[in-house]
Protein backbone atom coordinates (compact mmCIF):
# COMPACT_ATOMS: atom_id res chain seq x y z
CA MET A 1 106.10 53.64 25.85
CA GLY A 2 107.73 51.97 28.82
CA TYR A 3 106.37 50.86 32.43
CA ARG A 4 108.31 51.49 35.90
CA VAL A 5 107.45 49.18 38.65
CA VAL A 6 107.47 51.02 41.99
CA PHE A 7 107.95 48.98 45.21
CA GLU A 8 108.15 50.03 48.96
CA TYR A 9 107.65 48.85 51.96
CA GLU A 10 108.57 49.35 55.81
CA THR A 11 108.26 46.91 58.90
CA GLU A 12 109.66 47.37 62.33
CA SER A 13 112.93 45.90 61.46
CA SER A 14 113.52 46.49 57.72
CA ALA A 15 112.59 48.93 55.00
CA MET A 16 113.11 49.01 51.37
CA SER A 17 112.30 51.34 48.35
CA ASP A 18 113.08 50.96 44.55
CA VAL A 19 111.96 51.60 41.26
CA TYR A 20 112.34 49.58 38.25
CA ASN A 21 111.99 50.40 34.78
CA CYS A 22 110.54 47.75 32.26
CA ALA A 23 110.55 47.73 28.54
CA ASP A 24 107.27 46.16 27.97
CA GLU A 25 103.94 45.40 29.76
CA GLN A 26 105.29 41.64 30.04
CA ALA A 27 108.35 42.09 31.78
CA ALA A 28 106.49 44.72 34.08
CA MET A 29 103.96 42.14 35.37
CA GLN A 30 106.56 39.63 36.16
CA MET A 31 108.77 42.32 38.12
CA PHE A 32 105.38 43.19 39.80
CA LYS A 33 104.34 39.39 40.43
CA GLU A 34 107.95 38.73 41.94
CA LEU A 35 107.74 41.78 44.24
CA ARG A 36 104.65 41.12 45.45
CA GLU A 37 105.70 37.90 46.72
CA GLN A 38 108.55 39.25 48.56
CA LEU A 39 105.95 41.94 49.92
CA ILE A 40 103.71 39.04 51.35
CA MET A 41 106.98 37.44 52.75
CA ALA A 42 107.93 40.75 54.68
CA ILE A 43 104.58 41.42 55.63
CA ASP A 44 101.83 38.96 56.78
CA PRO A 45 99.15 39.81 54.64
CA THR A 46 96.55 38.16 57.29
CA ARG A 47 97.18 40.87 59.88
CA CYS A 48 96.65 43.90 57.18
CA GLU A 49 94.13 45.69 55.03
CA VAL A 50 95.04 44.50 51.56
CA VAL A 51 94.38 46.52 48.07
CA ASP A 52 94.72 44.02 45.30
CA GLU A 53 94.33 45.36 42.11
CA PRO A 54 95.71 44.22 38.74
CA ASP A 55 98.42 46.91 38.70
CA LEU A 56 98.70 47.57 42.65
CA TYR A 57 99.26 45.77 45.72
CA GLY A 58 98.97 47.11 48.84
CA MET A 59 98.89 46.51 52.78
CA THR A 60 98.90 48.59 55.66
CA ASP A 61 99.03 46.81 59.25
CA ARG A 62 98.10 49.70 61.35
CA GLU A 63 98.54 48.09 64.62
CA GLN A 64 102.24 47.35 63.91
CA GLY A 65 102.78 50.38 61.99
CA CYS A 66 103.73 48.55 58.93
CA TYR A 67 102.94 49.18 54.85
CA GLY A 68 104.14 48.23 51.81
CA PHE A 69 103.34 48.49 48.01
CA VAL A 70 103.66 47.50 44.27
CA ARG A 71 102.77 49.31 41.29
CA ILE A 72 102.98 49.46 37.88
CA ASP A 73 103.10 53.31 36.21
CA LYS A 74 103.33 53.64 32.52
CA ASP A 75 105.67 56.34 31.01
């Protein structure tokens, strides 16, 4: 069984979407943590609605029209 880490965000000035395949849960969790930090740097979480679960981190800033998420899916 493999793991897939899905990452997507969109702000006024940039957007990114990518999928990373990981061989095991530990690698997927490490990638999840790194991408979560990138998302927090791209979008200020203090202005957003935030979902913070063990395998999903997402944020939405309805006022600015920005959003982003990173999640882990099992294959």
